[in-house]
């Protein structure tokens, strides 16, 4: 909580214009042979705020209006100066630096409501001196207005919050929105830091007492997870269990917990607890990258009513680790077409294994039984002989992904050409082109990635 006083600036002309309708009707004054004493000797009365204003433009009707407004401006300036010295304007960081703007808004409202009781004590006009107005406002009446309105706010807020705070039959999810509603009523009034009262056996400013209660209920919440580290294969749902607990004598209730990447702000998934604050379910975190992902579980305060509220909160949060592992997958390479001179299959297997491991969420492992199998067929076609003595061949790949012996995805690459002094050289160059193209083939990588995440 921060408090800050601002010096009044001469910006009350707009207030006066809005407040003119509250003034008493004034009859025109006859020209006086001499100036009244209140013009030459500014009146002083500790029981009143006083405003004197004049105008001498040569137009009687125009001077009448201008003088009256200037008297109100003068009176309003005196009121505002007192308000600034008596009222602590509460401000909290809104990241825009709008402290002074908020303070002036609150002062403007106070001035306008007090101008309802303004009295026009006298008015004087002469062709030589123009129009003059003498207005005043009873300080005791001004105080009664404030006290009445503050009492109304206090009663309204306490009727709202007292039935829930300290009530063991209400959950934290029930209590916090009510407290923030009460806080908002006070914070958005013109008496933010002025209402003194008693709440839950403590005396102080109502806004401070509400913030303390919010801090108690919010600060008493903690999030605990069954596992600080969770390992799961890519594409598989994560079994997640956590519990929200409170040090208060209230059940947490249904609270929304958001899972957010620790160094980011995007919500991966939102989870809603049961009435006792527990959560257990399988969740989809396919948006995470392969490897170690540091995730934070944090209470969502927006749905409790805190969105865009200028109040400091410390919602409970808990960090944990999700280790997203590659899916162990078998690889079978086959060959078809013109293979009269084919050799070096072991080298080809290593190259395909490296490409697939980089492109897909897989770890090629042919030991034991696996749910997934990638079939990789290289189909060759020899070009007709040419007059230059080069061997030219064409090759393409037909790829299939099997899950539990069921085909879930097939893909065929473009055919590429390779040339060399012999078939082996031509094959080497053709495979280099084929594997490079496959490494940058986004259609293949995206579509095949999805095939591994199908449940």
Protein backbone atom coordinates (compact mmCIF):
# COMPACT_ATOMS: atom_id res chain seq x y z
CA UNK A 1 0.00 0.00 0.00
CA UNK A 2 1.23 3.40 -0.94
CA UNK A 3 -0.02 6.84 0.07
CA UNK A 4 0.82 10.03 -1.73
CA UNK A 5 -0.26 13.67 -1.48
CA UNK A 6 -0.37 15.92 -4.51
CA UNK A 7 -0.31 19.72 -4.57
CA UNK A 8 -3.42 21.22 -6.06
CA UNK A 9 -3.05 22.75 -9.51
CA UNK A 10 -5.26 25.40 -10.99
CA UNK A 11 -7.46 23.03 -12.95
CA UNK A 12 -10.89 23.50 -11.35
CA UNK A 13 -12.59 25.62 -14.03
CA UNK A 14 -14.21 22.50 -15.51
CA UNK A 15 -15.50 21.55 -12.04
CA UNK A 16 -17.12 24.95 -11.65
CA UNK A 17 -18.96 24.64 -14.97
CA UNK A 18 -20.48 21.33 -13.88
CA UNK A 19 -21.34 22.71 -10.44
CA UNK A 20 -23.11 25.88 -11.56
CA UNK A 21 -26.45 24.04 -11.71
CA UNK A 22 -26.25 23.47 -7.98
CA UNK A 23 -26.16 27.13 -7.07
CA UNK A 24 -29.15 29.12 -5.90
CA UNK A 25 -31.00 31.27 -8.41
CA UNK A 26 -29.77 34.83 -8.21
CA UNK A 27 -31.75 37.91 -9.06
CA UNK A 28 -30.20 40.75 -10.94
CA UNK A 29 -28.68 43.47 -8.83
CA UNK A 30 -29.15 47.14 -9.28
CA UNK A 31 -26.17 49.37 -9.77
CA UNK A 32 -24.79 50.43 -6.40
CA UNK A 33 -23.40 53.86 -5.80
CA UNK A 34 -20.33 52.44 -4.06
CA UNK A 35 -18.51 49.18 -3.77
CA UNK A 36 -19.51 46.85 -0.91
CA UNK A 37 -16.94 46.27 1.84
CA UNK A 38 -16.46 42.59 0.81
CA UNK A 39 -14.92 43.77 -2.47
CA UNK A 40 -12.30 46.03 -0.91
CA UNK A 41 -11.89 44.06 2.31
CA UNK A 42 -11.86 40.29 1.61
CA UNK A 43 -14.20 38.66 4.16
CA UNK A 44 -12.83 36.12 6.63
CA UNK A 45 -15.01 33.64 8.51
CA UNK A 46 -13.67 30.42 10.01
CA UNK A 47 -17.09 28.83 9.69
CA UNK A 48 -17.22 29.15 5.89
CA UNK A 49 -15.29 28.65 2.69
CA UNK A 50 -15.49 31.92 0.74
CA UNK A 51 -15.26 32.74 -2.95
CA UNK A 52 -15.11 36.18 -4.59
CA UNK A 53 -15.23 36.62 -8.37
CA UNK A 54 -15.56 39.48 -10.84
CA UNK A 55 -15.70 40.28 -14.54
CA UNK A 56 -15.62 43.59 -16.46
CA UNK A 57 -15.85 43.01 -20.21
CA UNK A 58 -18.45 45.69 -20.87
CA UNK A 59 -21.27 43.22 -21.49
CA UNK A 60 -23.55 43.04 -18.43
CA UNK A 61 -25.07 39.60 -19.13
CA UNK A 62 -21.68 38.12 -20.00
CA UNK A 63 -20.01 39.67 -16.96
CA UNK A 64 -22.77 38.29 -14.73
CA UNK A 65 -22.07 34.71 -15.83
CA UNK A 66 -18.28 35.03 -15.77
CA UNK A 67 -18.19 36.67 -12.34
CA UNK A 68 -20.43 33.99 -10.88
CA UNK A 69 -18.21 31.23 -12.30
CA UNK A 70 -15.07 32.90 -11.01
CA UNK A 71 -16.55 33.18 -7.52
CA UNK A 72 -17.30 29.47 -7.60
CA UNK A 73 -13.78 28.75 -8.87
CA UNK A 74 -12.31 30.76 -6.05
CA UNK A 75 -14.47 28.99 -3.47
CA UNK A 76 -13.73 25.56 -4.97
CA UNK A 77 -9.99 26.28 -4.86
CA UNK A 78 -10.23 26.99 -1.14
CA UNK A 79 -12.18 23.77 -0.54
CA UNK A 80 -9.74 21.74 -2.59
CA UNK A 81 -6.74 23.15 -0.77
CA UNK A 82 -8.25 21.95 2.50
CA UNK A 83 -9.13 18.56 1.02
CA UNK A 84 -5.56 18.11 -0.17
CA UNK A 85 -4.25 18.86 3.31
CA UNK A 86 -6.76 16.59 5.08
CA UNK A 87 -7.21 13.61 2.79
CA UNK A 88 -4.58 11.02 1.97
CA UNK A 89 -5.16 10.14 -1.63
CA UNK A 90 -4.37 6.44 -1.95
CA UNK A 91 -2.51 5.47 -5.07
CA UNK A 92 -1.14 2.20 -6.26
CA UNK A 93 1.12 1.50 -9.20
CA UNK A 94 -0.96 1.16 -12.34
CA UNK A 95 2.17 1.03 -14.54
CA UNK A 96 1.01 4.19 -16.31
CA UNK A 97 2.00 6.83 -13.75
CA UNK A 98 -1.55 8.14 -13.41
CA UNK A 99 -1.28 9.10 -9.74
CA UNK A 100 -2.08 12.79 -10.15
CA UNK A 101 -4.94 12.13 -12.52
CA UNK A 102 -6.60 9.83 -9.99
CA UNK A 103 -6.10 12.36 -7.17
CA UNK A 104 -7.68 15.19 -9.18
CA UNK A 105 -10.65 13.00 -10.05
CA UNK A 106 -11.32 12.32 -6.39
CA UNK A 107 -10.97 15.99 -5.41
CA UNK A 108 -13.27 17.04 -8.26
CA UNK A 109 -16.02 14.74 -7.00
CA UNK A 110 -15.68 16.10 -3.48
CA UNK A 111 -15.83 19.71 -4.64
CA UNK A 112 -18.86 19.11 -6.83
CA UNK A 113 -20.89 17.48 -4.09
CA UNK A 114 -20.08 20.25 -1.61
CA UNK A 115 -21.04 23.02 -4.03
CA UNK A 116 -24.63 21.86 -3.69
CA UNK A 117 -24.79 23.82 -0.44
CA UNK A 118 -23.19 27.04 -1.74
CA UNK A 119 -24.88 30.29 -0.72
CA UNK A 120 -24.77 33.48 -2.78
CA UNK A 121 -24.27 36.16 -0.12
CA UNK A 122 -24.20 39.21 -2.37
CA UNK A 123 -23.78 40.41 -5.93
CA UNK A 124 -22.89 43.89 -7.12
CA UNK A 125 -22.71 45.56 -10.52
CA UNK A 126 -21.59 48.92 -11.92
CA UNK A 127 -20.91 49.88 -15.53
CA UNK A 128 -17.41 50.97 -14.51
CA UNK A 129 -16.44 47.94 -12.37
CA UNK A 130 -18.51 45.15 -13.93
CA UNK A 131 -20.10 42.29 -11.97
CA UNK A 132 -18.93 40.97 -8.58
CA UNK A 133 -20.13 37.89 -6.66
CA UNK A 134 -19.66 36.86 -3.03
CA UNK A 135 -20.34 33.15 -2.28
CA UNK A 136 -19.74 30.89 0.69
CA UNK A 137 -20.09 27.28 1.85
CA UNK A 138 -20.69 26.22 5.43
CA UNK A 139 -17.80 24.08 6.63
CA UNK A 140 -20.00 22.19 9.07
CA UNK A 141 -22.37 21.27 6.24
CA UNK A 142 -19.46 20.16 4.11
CA UNK A 143 -18.30 17.91 6.96
CA UNK A 144 -21.79 16.46 7.44
CA UNK A 145 -21.98 15.57 3.77
CA UNK A 146 -18.70 13.70 3.94
CA UNK A 147 -19.55 11.92 7.17
CA UNK A 148 -22.93 10.82 5.84
CA UNK A 149 -21.48 9.44 2.63
CA UNK A 150 -18.60 7.71 4.41
CA UNK A 151 -21.06 6.12 6.83
CA UNK A 152 -23.10 4.85 3.86
CA UNK A 153 -19.99 3.28 2.28
CA UNK A 154 -18.91 1.73 5.57
CA UNK A 155 -22.34 0.21 6.15
CA UNK A 156 -22.57 -1.11 2.60
CA UNK A 157 -19.12 -2.74 2.70
CA UNK A 158 -19.50 -4.27 6.15
CA UNK A 159 -22.91 -5.71 5.25
CA UNK A 160 -21.18 -7.33 2.28
CA UNK A 161 -18.05 -8.78 3.89
CA UNK A 162 -18.92 -9.50 7.51
CA UNK A 163 -21.24 -12.46 6.74
CA UNK A 164 -18.41 -14.31 4.97
CA UNK A 165 -15.13 -13.51 6.74
CA UNK A 166 -14.62 -15.84 9.66
CA UNK A 167 -17.48 -18.05 8.45
CA UNK A 168 -16.18 -21.64 8.45
CA UNK A 169 -19.00 -22.73 6.16
CA UNK A 170 -17.73 -20.55 3.31
CA UNK A 171 -14.81 -21.59 1.11
CA UNK A 172 -11.81 -19.45 0.24
CA UNK A 173 -13.17 -19.36 -3.32
CA UNK A 174 -16.35 -17.79 -1.90
CA UNK A 175 -14.68 -15.34 0.48
CA UNK A 176 -11.98 -13.75 -1.69
CA UNK A 177 -14.35 -12.37 -4.39
CA UNK A 178 -16.52 -10.78 -1.68
CA UNK A 179 -13.51 -9.14 -0.04
CA UNK A 180 -12.28 -7.73 -3.35
CA UNK A 181 -15.77 -6.37 -4.10
CA UNK A 182 -15.74 -4.57 -0.75
CA UNK A 183 -12.23 -3.31 -1.39
CA UNK A 184 -13.29 -1.98 -4.80
CA UNK A 185 -16.23 -0.04 -3.33
CA UNK A 186 -13.88 1.78 -0.96
CA UNK A 187 -11.01 2.20 -3.41
CA UNK A 188 -13.26 3.69 -6.09
CA UNK A 189 -14.95 6.13 -3.72
CA UNK A 190 -13.79 9.68 -2.94
CA UNK A 191 -13.00 8.66 0.63
CA UNK A 192 -10.49 5.89 -0.03
CA UNK A 193 -8.28 6.34 3.01
CA UNK A 194 -10.65 8.36 5.21
CA UNK A 195 -13.13 5.77 6.49
CA UNK A 196 -12.08 4.65 9.96
CA UNK A 197 -13.88 1.63 11.42
CA UNK A 198 -13.51 -1.72 13.16
CA UNK A 199 -13.41 -5.05 11.35
CA UNK A 200 -12.77 -8.49 12.84
CA UNK A 201 -11.81 -6.92 16.16
CA UNK A 202 -9.27 -4.50 14.66
CA UNK A 203 -9.50 -0.74 14.27
CA UNK A 204 -8.14 1.26 11.36
CA UNK A 205 -8.86 2.54 7.88
CA UNK A 206 -11.46 0.33 6.23
CA UNK A 207 -9.36 -0.04 3.08
CA UNK A 208 -6.39 -1.25 5.16
CA UNK A 209 -8.48 -3.72 7.15
CA UNK A 210 -9.89 -5.19 3.93
CA UNK A 211 -6.42 -5.56 2.45
CA UNK A 212 -5.30 -7.34 5.59
CA UNK A 213 -8.14 -9.84 5.33
CA UNK A 214 -7.37 -10.41 1.65
CA UNK A 215 -3.75 -11.01 2.59
CA UNK A 216 -4.72 -13.50 5.30
CA UNK A 217 -6.93 -15.61 3.06
CA UNK A 218 -4.66 -15.37 0.03
CA UNK A 219 -1.43 -15.78 1.98
CA UNK A 220 -2.78 -18.84 3.74
CA UNK A 221 -3.05 -20.78 0.47
CA UNK A 222 -0.33 -23.20 -0.70
CA UNK A 223 -0.04 -25.56 -3.66
CA UNK A 224 1.57 -28.99 -3.24
CA UNK A 225 2.27 -31.55 -5.97
CA UNK A 226 2.56 -35.31 -5.63
CA UNK A 227 5.69 -35.27 -7.81
CA UNK A 228 8.21 -32.47 -8.21
CA UNK A 229 9.52 -34.15 -11.40
CA UNK A 230 7.33 -35.87 -13.97
CA UNK A 231 8.75 -37.92 -16.86
CA UNK A 232 6.55 -38.73 -19.83
CA UNK A 233 6.99 -39.60 -23.48
CA UNK A 234 6.14 -36.90 -26.01
CA UNK A 235 2.53 -37.02 -27.09
CA UNK A 236 1.43 -38.92 -24.00
CA UNK A 237 -0.91 -37.34 -21.45
CA UNK A 238 0.61 -36.33 -18.12
CA UNK A 239 -0.93 -37.72 -14.95
CA UNK A 240 -1.04 -34.70 -12.68
CA UNK A 241 -2.02 -34.55 -9.02
CA UNK A 242 -1.85 -31.46 -6.83
CA UNK A 243 -3.69 -30.00 -3.87
CA UNK A 244 -4.45 -26.46 -2.72
CA UNK A 245 -4.46 -26.14 1.06
CA UNK A 246 -5.24 -23.29 3.45
CA UNK A 247 -4.04 -22.38 6.92
CA UNK A 248 -7.45 -20.78 7.57
CA UNK A 249 -10.39 -22.78 8.94
CA UNK A 250 -12.03 -22.89 5.52
CA UNK A 251 -11.99 -25.36 2.66
CA UNK A 252 -10.21 -23.96 -0.42
CA UNK A 253 -13.22 -24.54 -2.69
CA UNK A 254 -13.11 -24.67 -6.48
CA UNK A 255 -10.08 -22.68 -7.54
CA UNK A 256 -8.51 -22.34 -10.97
CA UNK A 257 -4.83 -23.25 -11.17
CA UNK A 258 -2.97 -22.29 -14.34
CA UNK A 259 0.13 -24.10 -15.56
CA UNK A 260 2.59 -21.61 -17.06
CA UNK A 261 6.08 -22.09 -18.45
CA UNK A 262 8.36 -20.62 -15.81
CA UNK A 263 9.97 -18.01 -18.06
CA UNK A 264 6.85 -17.23 -20.06
CA UNK A 265 3.33 -15.93 -19.60
CA UNK A 266 1.29 -18.18 -21.87
CA UNK A 267 -1.05 -20.53 -20.03
CA UNK A 268 -0.38 -24.13 -21.03
CA UNK A 269 -3.55 -25.43 -19.41
CA UNK A 270 -6.01 -24.42 -16.68
CA UNK A 271 -7.19 -26.86 -14.02
CA UNK A 272 -10.13 -26.44 -11.64
CA UNK A 273 -9.86 -28.10 -8.24
CA UNK A 274 -12.60 -29.91 -6.40
CA UNK A 275 -14.26 -28.34 -3.37
CA UNK A 276 -11.51 -29.58 -1.06
CA UNK A 277 -8.81 -28.08 -3.29
CA UNK A 278 -7.54 -31.30 -4.89
CA UNK A 279 -6.96 -32.06 -8.56
CA UNK A 280 -6.18 -35.36 -10.27
CA UNK A 281 -6.40 -35.94 -14.01
CA UNK A 282 -4.48 -36.70 -17.19
CA UNK A 283 -3.67 -33.51 -19.05
CA UNK A 284 -2.40 -32.81 -22.54
CA UNK A 285 0.87 -30.88 -22.60
CA UNK A 286 1.74 -31.53 -26.25
CA UNK A 287 2.76 -27.87 -26.58
CA UNK A 288 5.91 -28.47 -24.56
CA UNK A 289 9.25 -29.04 -26.22
CA UNK A 290 11.26 -32.23 -25.98
CA UNK A 291 13.51 -32.14 -22.91
CA UNK A 292 13.22 -30.57 -19.48
CA UNK A 293 10.37 -28.08 -19.10
CA UNK A 294 10.14 -25.98 -15.95
CA UNK A 295 6.49 -25.24 -15.21
CA UNK A 296 4.77 -23.11 -12.55
CA UNK A 297 1.35 -23.91 -11.11
CA UNK A 298 -0.22 -20.61 -10.00
CA UNK A 299 -3.62 -19.56 -8.69
CA UNK A 300 -5.63 -17.60 -11.27
CA UNK A 301 -6.80 -14.47 -9.45
CA UNK A 302 -8.64 -12.89 -12.39
CA UNK A 303 -11.67 -15.14 -12.03
CA UNK A 304 -11.82 -14.24 -8.33
CA UNK A 305 -12.43 -10.63 -9.29
CA UNK A 306 -8.89 -9.24 -9.13
CA UNK A 307 -8.44 -8.45 -12.81
CA UNK A 308 -7.32 -4.86 -13.39
CA UNK A 309 -7.54 -4.06 -9.68
CA UNK A 310 -4.78 -1.88 -8.24
CA UNK A 311 -4.03 -4.10 -5.29
CA UNK A 312 -0.90 -6.04 -4.40
CA UNK A 313 -1.45 -9.82 -4.42
CA UNK A 314 0.81 -12.78 -3.78
CA UNK A 315 -1.09 -15.75 -5.19
CA UNK A 316 0.26 -19.21 -4.28
CA UNK A 317 2.47 -20.91 -6.84
CA UNK A 318 4.56 -24.04 -7.13
CA UNK A 319 7.38 -24.90 -9.55
CA UNK A 320 7.87 -28.38 -10.94
CA UNK A 321 9.63 -30.17 -13.80
CA UNK A 322 8.14 -32.06 -16.75
CA UNK A 323 10.76 -34.10 -18.58
CA UNK A 324 9.30 -34.69 -22.03
CA UNK A 325 11.14 -37.68 -23.45
CA UNK A 326 11.39 -38.94 -26.99
CA UNK A 327 9.28 -41.94 -27.95
CA UNK A 328 11.30 -45.12 -28.38
CA UNK A 329 10.57 -46.35 -31.89
CA UNK A 330 11.79 -49.16 -34.10
CA UNK A 331 13.16 -48.46 -37.59
CA UNK A 332 13.10 -50.86 -40.54
CA UNK A 333 14.72 -49.89 -43.84
CA UNK A 334 13.88 -51.73 -47.05
CA UNK A 335 14.94 -51.33 -50.65
CA UNK A 336 13.10 -51.83 -53.93
CA UNK A 337 13.52 -51.16 -57.64
CA UNK A 338 16.80 -51.32 -59.58
CA UNK A 339 19.23 -52.71 -57.00
CA UNK A 340 21.73 -54.71 -59.02
CA UNK A 341 24.75 -52.90 -57.55
CA UNK A 342 23.33 -51.84 -54.14
CA UNK A 343 25.67 -51.93 -51.12
CA UNK A 344 26.51 -50.17 -47.80
CA UNK A 345 23.10 -50.63 -46.16
CA UNK A 346 24.56 -50.06 -42.67
CA UNK A 347 25.60 -46.51 -43.58
CA UNK A 348 22.13 -45.79 -44.94
CA UNK A 349 20.51 -46.98 -41.70
CA UNK A 350 22.66 -44.59 -39.67
CA UNK A 351 21.79 -41.63 -41.88
CA UNK A 352 18.03 -42.31 -41.76
CA UNK A 353 18.19 -42.83 -37.99
CA UNK A 354 19.92 -39.44 -37.51
CA UNK A 355 17.40 -37.58 -39.71
CA UNK A 356 14.35 -39.08 -38.02
CA UNK A 357 15.77 -38.50 -34.55
CA UNK A 358 16.30 -34.80 -35.34
CA UNK A 359 13.00 -34.30 -37.14
CA UNK A 360 10.59 -36.35 -35.03
CA UNK A 361 10.02 -36.82 -31.28
CA UNK A 362 11.54 -40.29 -31.50
CA UNK A 363 14.52 -42.24 -30.26
CA UNK A 364 15.34 -45.06 -32.66
CA UNK A 365 15.71 -48.21 -30.56
CA UNK A 366 15.34 -51.64 -32.15
CA UNK A 367 15.86 -53.54 -28.88
CA UNK A 368 12.77 -55.09 -27.38
CA UNK A 369 9.16 -54.53 -28.39
CA UNK A 370 7.93 -51.04 -29.24
CA UNK A 371 4.50 -49.58 -29.86
CA UNK A 372 5.77 -47.60 -32.87
CA UNK A 373 7.58 -48.76 -35.98
CA UNK A 374 8.83 -46.59 -38.83
CA UNK A 375 9.07 -48.32 -42.18
CA UNK A 376 11.48 -46.53 -44.54
CA UNK A 377 11.57 -47.87 -48.12
CA UNK A 378 14.06 -46.57 -50.71
CA UNK A 379 12.82 -47.12 -54.24
CA UNK A 380 15.44 -46.93 -57.04
CA UNK A 381 15.17 -46.40 -60.76
CA UNK A 382 18.11 -46.51 -63.15
CA UNK A 383 18.27 -43.97 -65.97
CA UNK A 384 19.02 -45.23 -69.49
CA UNK A 385 22.74 -45.38 -70.51
CA UNK A 386 24.18 -42.13 -71.83
CA UNK A 387 27.03 -41.17 -74.21
CA UNK A 388 29.12 -39.60 -71.42
CA UNK A 389 29.80 -42.73 -69.40
CA UNK A 390 28.05 -41.47 -66.24
CA UNK A 391 25.78 -43.62 -64.14
CA UNK A 392 22.51 -41.82 -63.39
CA UNK A 393 19.92 -43.13 -60.96
CA UNK A 394 16.69 -41.87 -59.35
CA UNK A 395 15.53 -42.59 -55.80
CA UNK A 396 12.57 -41.71 -53.56
CA UNK A 397 11.45 -42.73 -50.09
CA UNK A 398 8.13 -44.23 -49.02
CA UNK A 399 7.66 -43.79 -45.26
CA UNK A 400 5.05 -45.43 -43.07
CA UNK A 401 4.43 -45.13 -39.34
CA UNK A 402 2.88 -48.12 -37.62
CA UNK A 403 1.42 -48.17 -34.14
CA UNK A 404 0.70 -51.57 -32.65
CA UNK A 405 0.85 -53.00 -36.19
CA UNK A 406 -1.69 -50.47 -37.49
CA UNK A 407 -0.66 -48.00 -40.17
CA UNK A 408 -1.31 -44.46 -38.88
CA UNK A 409 0.64 -42.40 -41.44
CA UNK A 410 2.25 -42.71 -44.90
CA UNK A 411 4.37 -40.28 -46.85
CA UNK A 412 6.18 -40.32 -50.19
CA UNK A 413 9.07 -37.98 -51.02
CA UNK A 414 9.88 -36.39 -54.33
CA UNK A 415 12.19 -38.42 -56.57
CA UNK A 416 15.78 -37.11 -56.73
CA UNK A 417 18.58 -37.76 -59.22
CA UNK A 418 22.17 -38.77 -58.58
CA UNK A 419 25.07 -39.11 -61.06
CA UNK A 420 28.57 -40.54 -60.75
CA UNK A 421 31.31 -42.59 -62.36
CA UNK A 422 29.59 -45.71 -60.99
CA UNK A 423 26.35 -46.74 -59.29
CA UNK A 424 27.78 -46.34 -55.79
CA UNK A 425 28.82 -42.73 -56.45
CA UNK A 426 25.46 -41.94 -58.05
CA UNK A 427 23.63 -43.53 -55.09
CA UNK A 428 25.66 -41.55 -52.56
CA UNK A 429 24.87 -38.24 -54.25
CA UNK A 430 21.20 -39.13 -54.69
CA UNK A 431 20.81 -40.06 -51.00
CA UNK A 432 22.55 -36.84 -49.91
CA UNK A 433 19.94 -34.85 -51.84
CA UNK A 434 17.07 -36.99 -50.59
CA UNK A 435 18.07 -36.77 -46.90
CA UNK A 436 18.71 -33.01 -47.07
CA UNK A 437 15.30 -32.40 -48.63
CA UNK A 438 13.64 -34.61 -46.01
CA UNK A 439 15.34 -32.72 -43.17
CA UNK A 440 13.72 -29.46 -44.32
CA UNK A 441 10.35 -30.93 -45.32
CA UNK A 442 7.93 -29.19 -42.90
CA UNK A 443 4.92 -31.12 -44.22
CA UNK A 444 6.56 -34.40 -43.30
CA UNK A 445 7.80 -33.26 -39.89
CA UNK A 446 4.46 -31.71 -38.81
CA UNK A 447 2.24 -34.49 -40.10
CA UNK A 448 4.39 -37.32 -38.81
CA UNK A 449 4.80 -35.57 -35.44
CA UNK A 450 1.02 -35.60 -35.09
CA UNK A 451 0.97 -39.31 -35.90
CA UNK A 452 3.03 -39.97 -32.78
CA UNK A 453 0.68 -37.98 -30.55
CA UNK A 454 -2.51 -39.80 -31.55
CA UNK A 455 -4.07 -41.76 -28.68
